[in-house]
PDB file of N, CA and C in Angstrom:
ATOM      1  N   MET A   1       0.913  -1.202  -0.010  1.00  0.00           N
ATOM      2  CA  MET A   1      -0.033  -0.025   0.077  1.00  0.00           C
ATOM      3  C   MET A   1       0.840   1.244  -0.038  1.00  0.00           C
ATOM      4  N   LYS A   2       0.602   2.095  -0.874  1.00  0.00           N
ATOM      5  CA  LYS A   2       1.473   3.353  -1.055  1.00  0.00           C
ATOM      6  C   LYS A   2       0.872   4.352   0.060  1.00  0.00           C
ATOM      7  N   ILE A   3       1.820   4.775   1.012  1.00  0.00           N
ATOM      8  CA  ILE A   3       1.442   5.839   1.930  1.00  0.00           C
ATOM      9  C   ILE A   3       2.435   7.024   1.992  1.00  0.00           C
ATOM     10  N   ALA A   4       2.059   8.051   2.805  1.00  0.00           N
ATOM     11  CA  ALA A   4       3.095   9.170   3.145  1.00  0.00           C
ATOM     12  C   ALA A   4       3.886   8.677   4.103  1.00  0.00           C
ATOM     13  N   ASN A   5       5.135   8.946   4.057  1.00  0.00           N
ATOM     14  CA  ASN A   5       6.220   8.516   5.134  1.00  0.00           C
ATOM     15  C   ASN A   5       5.740   8.767   6.468  1.00  0.00           C
ATOM     16  N   HIS A   6       5.106   9.847   6.823  1.00  0.00           N
ATOM     17  CA  HIS A   6       4.874  10.186   8.186  1.00  0.00           C
ATOM     18  C   HIS A   6       3.653   9.152   8.798  1.00  0.00           C
ATOM     19  N   GLU A   7       3.074   8.487   7.843  1.00  0.00           N
ATOM     20  CA  GLU A   7       2.168   7.418   8.371  1.00  0.00           C
ATOM     21  C   GLU A   7       2.693   6.124   8.729  1.00  0.00           C
ATOM     22  N   ALA A   8       4.094   5.941   8.372  1.00  0.00           N
ATOM     23  CA  ALA A   8       4.657   4.496   8.288  1.00  0.00           C
ATOM     24  C   ALA A   8       4.653   4.066   9.773  1.00  0.00           C
ATOM     25  N   ARG A   9       4.704   4.518  10.825  1.00  0.00           N
ATOM     26  CA  ARG A   9       4.921   4.022  12.083  1.00  0.00           C
ATOM     27  C   ARG A   9       3.639   3.018  12.383  1.00  0.00           C
ATOM     28  N   PHE A  10       2.432   3.428  12.102  1.00  0.00           N
ATOM     29  CA  PHE A  10       1.278   2.783  12.177  1.00  0.00           C
ATOM     30  C   PHE A  10       1.410   1.528  11.566  1.00  0.00           C
ATOM     31  N   PHE A  11       1.929   1.381  10.254  1.00  0.00           N
ATOM     32  CA  PHE A  11       2.212   0.102   9.430  1.00  0.00           C
ATOM     33  C   PHE A  11       3.172  -0.735  10.208  1.00  0.00           C
ATOM     34  N   VAL A  12       4.455  -0.130  10.765  1.00  0.00           N
ATOM     35  CA  VAL A  12       5.373  -0.837  11.176  1.00  0.00           C
ATOM     36  C   VAL A  12       5.082  -1.509  12.538  1.00  0.00           C
ATOM     37  N   GLN A  13       4.311  -0.667  13.521  1.00  0.00           N
ATOM     38  CA  GLN A  13       3.953  -1.228  14.825  1.00  0.00           C
ATOM     39  C   GLN A  13       2.924  -2.387  14.548  1.00  0.00           C
ATOM     40  N   ARG A  14       2.190  -2.435  13.428  1.00  0.00           N
ATOM     41  CA  ARG A  14       1.258  -3.771  13.295  1.00  0.00           C
ATOM     42  C   ARG A  14       1.985  -4.635  12.233  1.00  0.00           C
ATOM     43  N   GLN A  15       3.098  -4.493  11.938  1.00  0.00           N
ATOM     44  CA  GLN A  15       3.939  -5.250  10.859  1.00  0.00           C
ATOM     45  C   GLN A  15       3.271  -5.555   9.610  1.00  0.00           C
ATOM     46  N   HIS A  16       2.696  -4.343   9.114  1.00  0.00           N
ATOM     47  CA  HIS A  16       1.953  -4.594   7.801  1.00  0.00           C
ATOM     48  C   HIS A  16       2.797  -3.944   6.633  1.00  0.00           C
ATOM     49  N   PRO A  17       2.840  -4.534   5.406  1.00  0.00           N
ATOM     50  CA  PRO A  17       3.541  -4.167   4.408  1.00  0.00           C
ATOM     51  C   PRO A  17       3.189  -2.677   3.972  1.00  0.00           C
ATOM     52  N   PHE A  18       4.027  -1.748   3.486  1.00  0.00           N
ATOM     53  CA  PHE A  18       3.712  -0.432   3.066  1.00  0.00           C
ATOM     54  C   PHE A  18       4.892   0.003   1.873  1.00  0.00           C
ATOM     55  N   GLN A  19       4.616   1.001   1.221  1.00  0.00           N
ATOM     56  CA  GLN A  19       5.340   1.544   0.331  1.00  0.00           C
ATOM     57  C   GLN A  19       5.340   3.050   0.475  1.00  0.00           C
ATOM     58  N   GLY A  20       6.351   3.696   1.017  1.00  0.00           N
ATOM     59  CA  GLY A  20       6.561   5.056   1.259  1.00  0.00           C
ATOM     60  C   GLY A  20       7.347   5.730   0.185  1.00  0.00           C
ATOM     61  N   SER A  21       7.890   6.807   0.294  1.00  0.00           N
ATOM     62  CA  SER A  21       8.767   7.591  -0.703  1.00  0.00           C
ATOM     63  C   SER A  21      10.242   7.036  -0.139  1.00  0.00           C
ATOM     64  N   ASN A  22      10.966   6.184  -0.900  1.00  0.00           N
ATOM     65  CA  ASN A  22      12.101   5.552  -0.529  1.00  0.00           C
ATOM     66  C   ASN A  22      12.332   5.037   0.745  1.00  0.00           C
ATOM     67  N   LEU A  23      11.206   4.275   0.995  1.00  0.00           N
ATOM     68  CA  LEU A  23      10.849   3.669   2.402  1.00  0.00           C
ATOM     69  C   LEU A  23       9.791   2.666   2.183  1.00  0.00           C
ATOM     70  N   TYR A  24      10.170   1.437   2.759  1.00  0.00           N
ATOM     71  CA  TYR A  24       9.109   0.436   2.661  1.00  0.00           C
ATOM     72  C   TYR A  24       9.288  -0.688   3.839  1.00  0.00           C
ATOM     73  N   GLY A  25       8.213  -1.283   4.018  1.00  0.00           N
ATOM     74  CA  GLY A  25       8.182  -2.525   4.986  1.00  0.00           C
ATOM     75  C   GLY A  25       7.533  -3.613   4.267  1.00  0.00           C
ATOM     76  N   THR A  26       8.241  -4.865   4.774  1.00  0.00           N
ATOM     77  CA  THR A  26       7.881  -6.107   3.987  1.00  0.00           C
ATOM     78  C   THR A  26       8.004  -7.116   4.940  1.00  0.00           C
ATOM     79  N   TYR A  27       7.497  -8.449   4.671  1.00  0.00           N
ATOM     80  CA  TYR A  27       7.634  -9.499   5.488  1.00  0.00           C
ATOM     81  C   TYR A  27       9.087 -10.153   4.729  1.00  0.00           C
ATOM     82  N   TRP A  28       9.823 -10.935   5.519  1.00  0.00           N
ATOM     83  CA  TRP A  28      11.001 -11.590   5.217  1.00  0.00           C
ATOM     84  C   TRP A  28      11.052 -13.164   5.796  1.00  0.00           C
ATOM     85  N   CYS A  29      11.630 -14.020   4.906  1.00  0.00           N
ATOM     86  CA  CYS A  29      11.701 -15.392   5.352  1.00  0.00           C
ATOM     87  C   CYS A  29      13.040 -15.783   4.630  1.00  0.00           C
ATOM     88  N   SER A  30      13.957 -16.241   5.613  1.00  0.00           N
ATOM     89  CA  SER A  30      15.305 -16.504   5.237  1.00  0.00           C
ATOM     90  C   SER A  30      15.119 -17.998   4.591  1.00  0.00           C
ATOM     91  N   ASN A  31      14.287 -18.915   5.037  1.00  0.00           N
ATOM     92  CA  ASN A  31      14.253 -20.171   4.594  1.00  0.00           C
ATOM     93  C   ASN A  31      12.827 -20.575   4.684  1.00  0.00           C
ATOM     94  N   PRO A  32      11.940 -20.598   3.478  1.00  0.00           N
ATOM     95  CA  PRO A  32      10.635 -20.986   3.485  1.00  0.00           C
ATOM     96  C   PRO A  32      10.378 -22.299   3.939  1.00  0.00           C
ATOM     97  N   SER A  33      11.335 -23.270   3.819  1.00  0.00           N
ATOM     98  CA  SER A  33      10.964 -24.719   4.375  1.00  0.00           C
ATOM     99  C   SER A  33      11.297 -24.944   5.736  1.00  0.00           C
ATOM    100  N   SER A  34      11.901 -23.991   6.371  1.00  0.00           N
ATOM    101  CA  SER A  34      12.369 -24.103   7.788  1.00  0.00           C
ATOM    102  C   SER A  34      11.051 -23.790   8.894  1.00  0.00           C
ATOM    103  N   ILE A  35      11.088 -24.668   9.825  1.00  0.00           N
ATOM    104  CA  ILE A  35      10.104 -24.377  11.017  1.00  0.00           C
ATOM    105  C   ILE A  35      10.600 -23.749  12.166  1.00  0.00           C
ATOM    106  N   HIS A  36      12.016 -23.409  12.097  1.00  0.00           N
ATOM    107  CA  HIS A  36      12.808 -22.837  13.210  1.00  0.00           C
ATOM    108  C   HIS A  36      12.188 -21.437  13.535  1.00  0.00           C
ATOM    109  N   PRO A  37      12.296 -20.999  14.769  1.00  0.00           N
ATOM    110  CA  PRO A  37      11.755 -19.642  15.060  1.00  0.00           C
ATOM    111  C   PRO A  37      13.093 -18.817  14.731  1.00  0.00           C
ATOM    112  N   GLY A  38      12.767 -17.538  14.310  1.00  0.00           N
ATOM    113  CA  GLY A  38      13.763 -16.651  13.768  1.00  0.00           C
ATOM    114  C   GLY A  38      14.206 -16.716  12.466  1.00  0.00           C
ATOM    115  N   ASP A  39      13.427 -17.472  11.667  1.00  0.00           N
ATOM    116  CA  ASP A  39      13.604 -17.464  10.238  1.00  0.00           C
ATOM    117  C   ASP A  39      12.686 -16.638   9.397  1.00  0.00           C
ATOM    118  N   ASN A  40      12.114 -15.925  10.027  1.00  0.00           N
ATOM    119  CA  ASN A  40      11.007 -15.114   9.538  1.00  0.00           C
ATOM    120  C   ASN A  40      10.603 -13.808  10.229  1.00  0.00           C
ATOM    121  N   GLY A  41      10.031 -12.878   9.634  1.00  0.00           N
ATOM    122  CA  GLY A  41       9.735 -11.638  10.442  1.00  0.00           C
ATOM    123  C   GLY A  41       9.347 -10.555   9.339  1.00  0.00           C
ATOM    124  N   TYR A  42       9.666  -9.388   9.952  1.00  0.00           N
ATOM    125  CA  TYR A  42       9.145  -8.000   9.300  1.00  0.00           C
ATOM    126  C   TYR A  42      10.325  -7.321   9.172  1.00  0.00           C
ATOM    127  N   VAL A  43      10.629  -6.373   8.081  1.00  0.00           N
ATOM    128  CA  VAL A  43      11.699  -5.628   7.911  1.00  0.00           C
ATOM    129  C   VAL A  43      11.259  -4.184   7.264  1.00  0.00           C
ATOM    130  N   VAL A  44      11.763  -3.066   7.781  1.00  0.00           N
ATOM    131  CA  VAL A  44      11.774  -1.854   7.139  1.00  0.00           C
ATOM    132  C   VAL A  44      13.029  -1.381   6.556  1.00  0.00           C
ATOM    133  N   TYR A  45      12.876  -1.033   5.198  1.00  0.00           N
ATOM    134  CA  TYR A  45      14.166  -0.460   4.471  1.00  0.00           C
ATOM    135  C   TYR A  45      14.016   0.870   4.311  1.00  0.00           C
ATOM    136  N   SER A  46      15.253   1.533   4.213  1.00  0.00           N
ATOM    137  CA  SER A  46      15.556   2.855   3.659  1.00  0.00           C
ATOM    138  C   SER A  46      16.330   2.732   2.460  1.00  0.00           C
ATOM    139  N   TYR A  47      15.730   3.177   1.343  1.00  0.00           N
ATOM    140  CA  TYR A  47      16.406   3.160  -0.095  1.00  0.00           C
ATOM    141  C   TYR A  47      16.868   1.795  -0.414  1.00  0.00           C
ATOM    142  N   GLY A  48      16.263   0.849  -0.129  1.00  0.00           N
ATOM    143  CA  GLY A  48      16.721  -0.532  -0.723  1.00  0.00           C
ATOM    144  C   GLY A  48      16.923  -1.542   0.296  1.00  0.00           C
ATOM    145  N   THR A  49      17.277  -2.749  -0.246  1.00  0.00           N
ATOM    146  CA  THR A  49      17.516  -3.988   0.715  1.00  0.00           C
ATOM    147  C   THR A  49      18.921  -3.850   1.254  1.00  0.00           C
ATOM    148  N   HIS A  50      19.939  -2.830   0.676  1.00  0.00           N
ATOM    149  CA  HIS A  50      21.223  -2.730   1.567  1.00  0.00           C
ATOM    150  C   HIS A  50      21.285  -2.060   2.660  1.00  0.00           C
ATOM    151  N   TRP A  51      19.920  -1.287   3.055  1.00  0.00           N
ATOM    152  CA  TRP A  51      19.927  -0.492   4.379  1.00  0.00           C
ATOM    153  C   TRP A  51      18.713  -0.859   5.192  1.00  0.00           C
ATOM    154  N   PRO A  52      18.632  -1.931   5.912  1.00  0.00           N
ATOM    155  CA  PRO A  52      17.454  -2.188   6.849  1.00  0.00           C
ATOM    156  C   PRO A  52      17.509  -1.384   7.911  1.00  0.00           C
ATOM    157  N   LEU A  53      16.315  -0.716   8.195  1.00  0.00           N
ATOM    158  CA  LEU A  53      16.486   0.222   9.478  1.00  0.00           C
ATOM    159  C   LEU A  53      15.881  -0.553  10.736  1.00  0.00           C
ATOM    160  N   PHE A  54      14.814  -1.530  10.582  1.00  0.00           N
ATOM    161  CA  PHE A  54      14.335  -2.338  11.657  1.00  0.00           C
ATOM    162  C   PHE A  54      14.077  -3.740  11.108  1.00  0.00           C
ATOM    163  N   VAL A  55      14.405  -4.605  11.939  1.00  0.00           N
ATOM    164  CA  VAL A  55      13.999  -5.906  11.591  1.00  0.00           C
ATOM    165  C   VAL A  55      13.301  -6.582  12.870  1.00  0.00           C
ATOM    166  N   CYS A  56      12.068  -7.133  12.635  1.00  0.00           N
ATOM    167  CA  CYS A  56      11.233  -7.670  13.732  1.00  0.00           C
ATOM    168  C   CYS A  56      11.413  -9.283  13.395  1.00  0.00           C
ATOM    169  N   VAL A  57      11.982  -9.964  14.437  1.00  0.00           N
ATOM    170  CA  VAL A  57      12.151 -11.464  14.419  1.00  0.00           C
ATOM    171  C   VAL A  57      11.202 -12.175  15.252  1.00  0.00           C
ATOM    172  N   HIS A  58      10.524 -13.177  14.762  1.00  0.00           N
ATOM    173  CA  HIS A  58       9.535 -13.841  15.650  1.00  0.00           C
ATOM    174  C   HIS A  58      10.431 -15.093  16.466  1.00  0.00           C
ATOM    175  N   LEU A  59      10.418 -14.927  17.568  1.00  0.00           N
ATOM    176  CA  LEU A  59      11.169 -15.934  18.411  1.00  0.00           C
ATOM    177  C   LEU A  59      10.322 -16.504  19.508  1.00  0.00           C
ATOM    178  N   ASN A  60       9.985 -17.679  19.316  1.00  0.00           N
ATOM    179  CA  ASN A  60       9.194 -18.462  20.394  1.00  0.00           C
ATOM    180  C   ASN A  60       8.062 -17.670  21.018  1.00  0.00           C
ATOM    181  N   GLY A  61       7.287 -17.166  19.963  1.00  0.00           N
ATOM    182  CA  GLY A  61       5.987 -16.473  20.270  1.00  0.00           C
ATOM    183  C   GLY A  61       6.155 -15.052  20.578  1.00  0.00           C
ATOM    184  N   LYS A  62       7.366 -14.499  20.641  1.00  0.00           N
ATOM    185  CA  LYS A  62       7.720 -13.263  21.110  1.00  0.00           C
ATOM    186  C   LYS A  62       8.256 -12.390  19.785  1.00  0.00           C
ATOM    187  N   ASP A  63       8.076 -11.179  19.636  1.00  0.00           N
ATOM    188  CA  ASP A  63       8.601 -10.323  18.722  1.00  0.00           C
ATOM    189  C   ASP A  63       9.931  -9.611  19.205  1.00  0.00           C
ATOM    190  N   VAL A  64      11.022  -9.693  18.451  1.00  0.00           N
ATOM    191  CA  VAL A  64      12.168  -9.069  18.939  1.00  0.00           C
ATOM    192  C   VAL A  64      12.732  -8.236  17.804  1.00  0.00           C
ATOM    193  N   TRP A  65      12.795  -6.908  18.278  1.00  0.00           N
ATOM    194  CA  TRP A  65      13.079  -5.851  17.201  1.00  0.00           C
ATOM    195  C   TRP A  65      14.591  -5.441  17.247  1.00  0.00           C
ATOM    196  N   PHE A  66      15.076  -5.392  16.224  1.00  0.00           N
ATOM    197  CA  PHE A  66      16.485  -4.902  15.864  1.00  0.00           C
ATOM    198  C   PHE A  66      16.616  -3.746  15.278  1.00  0.00           C
ATOM    199  N   GLU A  67      17.414  -2.905  15.609  1.00  0.00           N
ATOM    200  CA  GLU A  67      17.602  -1.462  14.877  1.00  0.00           C
ATOM    201  C   GLU A  67      19.060  -1.246  14.538  1.00  0.00           C
ATOM    202  N   ASN A  68      19.149  -0.737  13.099  1.00  0.00           N
ATOM    203  CA  ASN A  68      20.283  -0.641  12.539  1.00  0.00           C
ATOM    204  C   ASN A  68      21.044   0.617  13.341  1.00  0.00           C
ATOM    205  N   GLU A  69      22.137   0.189  13.831  1.00  0.00           N
ATOM    206  CA  GLU A  69      22.879   1.238  14.608  1.00  0.00           C
ATOM    207  C   GLU A  69      23.789   2.269  13.867  1.00  0.00           C
ATOM    208  N   GLU A  70      23.926   2.097  12.649  1.00  0.00           N
ATOM    209  CA  GLU A  70      24.777   3.121  11.927  1.00  0.00           C
ATOM    210  C   GLU A  70      23.916   4.164  11.156  1.00  0.00           C
ATOM    211  N   ARG A  71      24.515   5.233  11.100  1.00  0.00           N
ATOM    212  CA  ARG A  71      23.760   6.387  10.669  1.00  0.00           C
ATOM    213  C   ARG A  71      24.255   6.566   9.219  1.00  0.00           C
ATOM    214  N   HIS A  72      23.420   7.074   8.432  1.00  0.00           N
ATOM    215  CA  HIS A  72      23.919   7.279   6.964  1.00  0.00           C
ATOM    216  C   HIS A  72      23.747   8.698   6.406  1.00  0.00           C
ATOM    217  N   SER A  73      22.452   9.020   6.418  1.00  0.00           N
ATOM    218  CA  SER A  73      22.114  10.468   5.754  1.00  0.00           C
ATOM    219  C   SER A  73      21.036  11.063   6.401  1.00  0.00           C
ATOM    220  N   ARG A  74      20.841  12.417   6.264  1.00  0.00           N
ATOM    221  CA  ARG A  74      19.727  13.078   7.036  1.00  0.00           C
ATOM    222  C   ARG A  74      18.356  12.475   6.762  1.00  0.00           C
ATOM    223  N   THR A  75      18.227  12.060   5.332  1.00  0.00           N
ATOM    224  CA  THR A  75      16.846  11.453   5.024  1.00  0.00           C
ATOM    225  C   THR A  75      16.642  10.093   5.645  1.00  0.00           C
ATOM    226  N   THR A  76      17.912   9.218   5.648  1.00  0.00           N
ATOM    227  CA  THR A  76      17.577   8.036   6.366  1.00  0.00           C
ATOM    228  C   THR A  76      17.339   8.178   7.884  1.00  0.00           C
ATOM    229  N   SER A  77      18.003   9.094   8.482  1.00  0.00           N
ATOM    230  CA  SER A  77      17.585   9.328   9.898  1.00  0.00           C
ATOM    231  C   SER A  77      16.291   9.907   9.999  1.00  0.00           C
ATOM    232  N   LYS A  78      15.716  10.757   9.099  1.00  0.00           N
ATOM    233  CA  LYS A  78      14.391  10.963   9.157  1.00  0.00           C
ATOM    234  C   LYS A  78      13.449   9.734   8.976  1.00  0.00           C
ATOM    235  N   HIS A  79      13.938   8.658   8.056  1.00  0.00           N
ATOM    236  CA  HIS A  79      13.044   7.545   7.976  1.00  0.00           C
ATOM    237  C   HIS A  79      12.860   6.736   9.240  1.00  0.00           C
ATOM    238  N   ARG A  80      14.035   6.827   9.873  1.00  0.00           N
ATOM    239  CA  ARG A  80      14.287   6.109  11.242  1.00  0.00           C
ATOM    240  C   ARG A  80      13.416   6.599  12.305  1.00  0.00           C
ATOM    241  N   SER A  81      13.307   7.998  12.286  1.00  0.00           N
ATOM    242  CA  SER A  81      12.213   8.591  13.303  1.00  0.00           C
ATOM    243  C   SER A  81      10.792   8.374  12.929  1.00  0.00           C
ATOM    244  N   GLN A  82      10.566   8.387  11.629  1.00  0.00           N
ATOM    245  CA  GLN A  82       9.288   8.085  11.188  1.00  0.00           C
ATOM    246  C   GLN A  82       8.665   6.662  11.309  1.00  0.00           C
ATOM    247  N   THR A  83       9.563   5.637  11.417  1.00  0.00           N
ATOM    248  CA  THR A  83       9.077   4.340  11.407  1.00  0.00           C
ATOM    249  C   THR A  83       9.662   3.564  12.821  1.00  0.00           C
ATOM    250  N   HIS A  84      10.163   4.169  13.738  1.00  0.00           N
ATOM    251  CA  HIS A  84      10.631   3.596  14.845  1.00  0.00           C
ATOM    252  C   HIS A  84       9.513   3.022  15.525  1.00  0.00           C
ATOM    253  N   PRO A  85       9.518   1.636  15.756  1.00  0.00           N
ATOM    254  CA  PRO A  85       8.189   0.971  16.516  1.00  0.00           C
ATOM    255  C   PRO A  85       7.866   1.434  17.772  1.00  0.00           C
ATOM    256  N   HIS A  86       8.711   2.205  18.459  1.00  0.00           N
ATOM    257  CA  HIS A  86       8.680   2.553  19.966  1.00  0.00           C
ATOM    258  C   HIS A  86       8.476   1.453  20.897  1.00  0.00           C
ATOM    259  N   CYS A  87       9.383   0.714  20.793  1.00  0.00           N
ATOM    260  CA  CYS A  87       9.426  -0.446  21.647  1.00  0.00           C
ATOM    261  C   CYS A  87      11.046  -0.624  21.859  1.00  0.00           C
ATOM    262  N   PRO A  88      11.349  -1.612  22.892  1.00  0.00           N
ATOM    263  CA  PRO A  88      12.858  -1.919  23.010  1.00  0.00           C
ATOM    264  C   PRO A  88      13.355  -2.484  21.644  1.00  0.00           C
ATOM    265  N   THR A  89      14.587  -2.042  21.395  1.00  0.00           N
ATOM    266  CA  THR A  89      15.301  -2.725  20.218  1.00  0.00           C
ATOM    267  C   THR A  89      16.671  -3.047  20.653  1.00  0.00           C
ATOM    268  N   VAL A  90      17.102  -3.992  19.793  1.00  0.00           N
ATOM    269  CA  VAL A  90      18.630  -4.242  20.047  1.00  0.00           C
ATOM    270  C   VAL A  90      19.250  -3.782  18.692  1.00  0.00           C
ATOM    271  N   PHE A  91      20.376  -3.090  19.105  1.00  0.00           N
ATOM    272  CA  PHE A  91      21.317  -2.396  18.031  1.00  0.00           C
ATOM    273  C   PHE A  91      22.110  -3.501  17.388  1.00  0.00           C
ATOM    274  N   LEU A  92      22.176  -3.436  16.107  1.00  0.00           N
ATOM    275  CA  LEU A  92      23.029  -4.211  15.343  1.00  0.00           C
ATOM    276  C   LEU A  92      23.596  -3.495  14.276  1.00  0.00           C
ATOM    277  N   SER A  93      24.843  -3.756  13.642  1.00  0.00           N
ATOM    278  CA  SER A  93      25.452  -3.075  12.472  1.00  0.00           C
ATOM    279  C   SER A  93      24.693  -3.246  11.284  1.00  0.00           C
ATOM    280  N   GLN A  94      24.916  -2.518  10.304  1.00  0.00           N
ATOM    281  CA  GLN A  94      24.096  -2.748   9.007  1.00  0.00           C
ATOM    282  C   GLN A  94      24.447  -4.044   8.466  1.00  0.00           C
ATOM    283  N   GLY A  95      25.690  -4.541   8.610  1.00  0.00           N
ATOM    284  CA  GLY A  95      25.896  -5.802   7.947  1.00  0.00           C
ATOM    285  C   GLY A  95      25.172  -6.878   8.719  1.00  0.00           C
ATOM    286  N   ALA A  96      25.226  -6.807   9.930  1.00  0.00           N
ATOM    287  CA  ALA A  96      24.472  -7.892  10.798  1.00  0.00           C
ATOM    288  C   ALA A  96      22.988  -7.791  10.449  1.00  0.00           C
ATOM    289  N   MET A  97      22.420  -6.591  10.271  1.00  0.00           N
ATOM    290  CA  MET A  97      21.039  -6.699   9.927  1.00  0.00           C
ATOM    291  C   MET A  97      20.653  -7.284   8.681  1.00  0.00           C
ATOM    292  N   THR A  98      21.657  -7.028   7.673  1.00  0.00           N
ATOM    293  CA  THR A  98      21.479  -7.621   6.184  1.00  0.00           C
ATOM    294  C   THR A  98      21.706  -9.286   6.424  1.00  0.00           C
ATOM    295  N   ARG A  99      22.623  -9.519   7.176  1.00  0.00           N
ATOM    296  CA  ARG A  99      22.606 -11.050   7.398  1.00  0.00           C
ATOM    297  C   ARG A  99      21.606 -11.758   8.119  1.00  0.00           C
ATOM    298  N   LEU A 100      20.977 -10.911   9.000  1.00  0.00           N
ATOM    299  CA  LEU A 100      19.746 -11.564   9.788  1.00  0.00           C
ATOM    300  C   LEU A 100      18.704 -11.739   8.779  1.00  0.00           C
ATOM    301  N   VAL A 101      18.333 -10.895   7.940  1.00  0.00           N
ATOM    302  CA  VAL A 101      17.226 -11.007   6.950  1.00  0.00           C
ATOM    303  C   VAL A 101      17.859 -12.073   5.999  1.00  0.00           C
ATOM    304  N   ALA A 102      18.858 -12.330   5.610  1.00  0.00           N
ATOM    305  CA  ALA A 102      19.264 -13.255   4.606  1.00  0.00           C
ATOM    306  C   ALA A 102      19.250 -14.543   5.109  1.00  0.00           C
ATOM    307  N   TRP A 103      19.977 -14.695   6.503  1.00  0.00           N
ATOM    308  CA  TRP A 103      20.143 -16.034   7.021  1.00  0.00           C
ATOM    309  C   TRP A 103      19.503 -16.546   8.294  1.00  0.00           C
ATOM    310  N   GLY A 104      18.641 -15.575   8.756  1.00  0.00           N
ATOM    311  CA  GLY A 104      17.858 -15.811  10.004  1.00  0.00           C
ATOM    312  C   GLY A 104      18.699 -15.634  11.297  1.00  0.00           C
ATOM    313  N   PHE A 105      17.856 -15.668  12.316  1.00  0.00           N
ATOM    314  CA  PHE A 105      18.507 -15.178  13.767  1.00  0.00           C
ATOM    315  C   PHE A 105      19.589 -16.307  14.058  1.00  0.00           C
ATOM    316  N   LYS A 106      19.309 -17.582  13.830  1.00  0.00           N
ATOM    317  CA  LYS A 106      20.133 -18.815  14.186  1.00  0.00           C
ATOM    318  C   LYS A 106      21.451 -18.609  13.611  1.00  0.00           C
ATOM    319  N   ALA A 107      21.604 -18.064  12.279  1.00  0.00           N
ATOM    320  CA  ALA A 107      22.792 -17.909  11.725  1.00  0.00           C
ATOM    321  C   ALA A 107      23.687 -16.860  12.218  1.00  0.00           C
ATOM    322  N   ILE A 108      22.967 -15.713  12.719  1.00  0.00           N
ATOM    323  CA  ILE A 108      23.843 -14.656  13.352  1.00  0.00           C
ATOM    324  C   ILE A 108      24.179 -14.932  14.663  1.00  0.00           C
ATOM    325  N   ALA A 109      23.107 -15.567  15.438  1.00  0.00           N
ATOM    326  CA  ALA A 109      23.698 -15.994  16.756  1.00  0.00           C
ATOM    327  C   ALA A 109      24.812 -17.070  16.770  1.00  0.00           C
ATOM    328  N   LYS A 110      24.722 -17.795  15.827  1.00  0.00           N
ATOM    329  CA  LYS A 110      26.008 -18.848  15.572  1.00  0.00           C
ATOM    330  C   LYS A 110      27.278 -18.244  15.517  1.00  0.00           C
ATOM    331  N   ASP A 111      27.217 -17.125  14.414  1.00  0.00           N
ATOM    332  CA  ASP A 111      28.338 -16.257  14.176  1.00  0.00           C
ATOM    333  C   ASP A 111      28.846 -15.366  15.353  1.00  0.00           C
ATOM    334  N   ARG A 112      27.877 -15.125  16.262  1.00  0.00           N
ATOM    335  CA  ARG A 112      28.294 -14.172  17.375  1.00  0.00           C
ATOM    336  C   ARG A 112      28.869 -15.260  18.417  1.00  0.00           C
ATOM    337  N   VAL A 113      28.429 -16.608  18.760  1.00  0.00           N
ATOM    338  CA  VAL A 113      28.925 -17.384  19.667  1.00  0.00           C
ATOM    339  C   VAL A 113      30.216 -17.849  19.250  1.00  0.00           C
ATOM    340  N   LEU A 114      30.417 -18.174  17.871  1.00  0.00           N
ATOM    341  CA  LEU A 114      31.779 -18.807  17.272  1.00  0.00           C
ATOM    342  C   LEU A 114      32.785 -17.730  17.046  1.00  0.00           C
ATOM    343  N   GLY A 115      32.251 -16.577  17.088  1.00  0.00           N
ATOM    344  CA  GLY A 115      33.178 -15.341  16.648  1.00  0.00           C
ATOM    345  C   GLY A 115      33.620 -15.333  15.103  1.00  0.00           C
ATOM    346  N   THR A 116      32.786 -15.877  14.307  1.00  0.00           N
ATOM    347  CA  THR A 116      32.998 -15.931  12.841  1.00  0.00           C
ATOM    348  C   THR A 116      32.793 -14.589  12.127  1.00  0.00           C
ATOM    349  N   GLN A 117      31.792 -13.882  12.782  1.00  0.00           N
ATOM    350  CA  GLN A 117      31.406 -12.639  12.141  1.00  0.00           C
ATOM    351  C   GLN A 117      31.633 -11.473  13.322  1.00  0.00           C
ATOM    352  N   GLN A 118      31.758 -10.189  12.872  1.00  0.00           N
ATOM    353  CA  GLN A 118      31.666  -9.181  13.944  1.00  0.00           C
ATOM    354  C   GLN A 118      30.197  -8.686  14.204  1.00  0.00           C
ATOM    355  N   THR A 119      29.312  -9.381  14.612  1.00  0.00           N
ATOM    356  CA  THR A 119      27.965  -9.052  14.891  1.00  0.00           C
ATOM    357  C   THR A 119      27.877  -8.500  16.309  1.00  0.00           C
ATOM    358  N   GLU A 120      27.613  -7.178  16.413  1.00  0.00           N
ATOM    359  CA  GLU A 120      27.566  -6.776  17.806  1.00  0.00           C
ATOM    360  C   GLU A 120      26.053  -6.627  18.015  1.00  0.00           C
ATOM    361  N   PHE A 121      25.744  -6.728  19.376  1.00  0.00           N
ATOM    362  CA  PHE A 121      24.534  -6.557  20.013  1.00  0.00           C
ATOM    363  C   PHE A 121      24.576  -5.544  20.993  1.00  0.00           C
ATOM    364  N   HIS A 122      23.703  -4.484  20.812  1.00  0.00           N
ATOM    365  CA  HIS A 122      23.656  -3.513  21.887  1.00  0.00           C
ATOM    366  C   HIS A 122      22.142  -3.313  22.357  1.00  0.00           C
ATOM    367  N   GLN A 123      21.876  -3.465  23.590  1.00  0.00           N
ATOM    368  CA  GLN A 123      20.446  -3.250  23.949  1.00  0.00           C
ATOM    369  C   GLN A 123      20.096  -1.833  24.139  1.00  0.00           C
ATOM    370  N   GLU A 124      18.911  -1.335  23.509  1.00  0.00           N
ATOM    371  CA  GLU A 124      18.560   0.006  23.722  1.00  0.00           C
ATOM    372  C   GLU A 124      17.697   0.037  25.125  1.00  0.00           C
ATOM    373  N   VAL A 125      17.942   1.056  25.886  1.00  0.00           N
ATOM    374  CA  VAL A 125      17.370   1.412  27.064  1.00  0.00           C
ATOM    375  C   VAL A 125      15.918   1.975  26.827  1.00  0.00           C
ATOM    376  N   ALA A 126      14.787   1.457  27.064  1.00  0.00           N
ATOM    377  CA  ALA A 126      13.577   1.844  26.620  1.00  0.00           C
ATOM    378  C   ALA A 126      13.230   2.944  27.844  1.00  0.00           C
TER     379      ALA A 126
END
């Protein structure tokens, strides 16, 4: 659904797909044949799939929100403020956010435990 960017938070909080101006939210699934928690969710992108702003992962009946900790441009910062879900988030690097959507939570958690990727987690204080 095409919307004005200032209306996006309503859709993000309900995890509904939307299309704004250089901003959109959609569902993601890293492995359609998987039944593992953390392999699907919702993602908000600014200017394309290379820049996820927020990712919601469904883990054992709970939604866990991740937030891109990197800053890019004034417009992307505005997108962030227009779409923040107003709930606690875990900060991740842009690369970790992209891997999360591509490979699922289990893959980035494994990377973190084994030290195979530099995936940093930072809890936001609500």
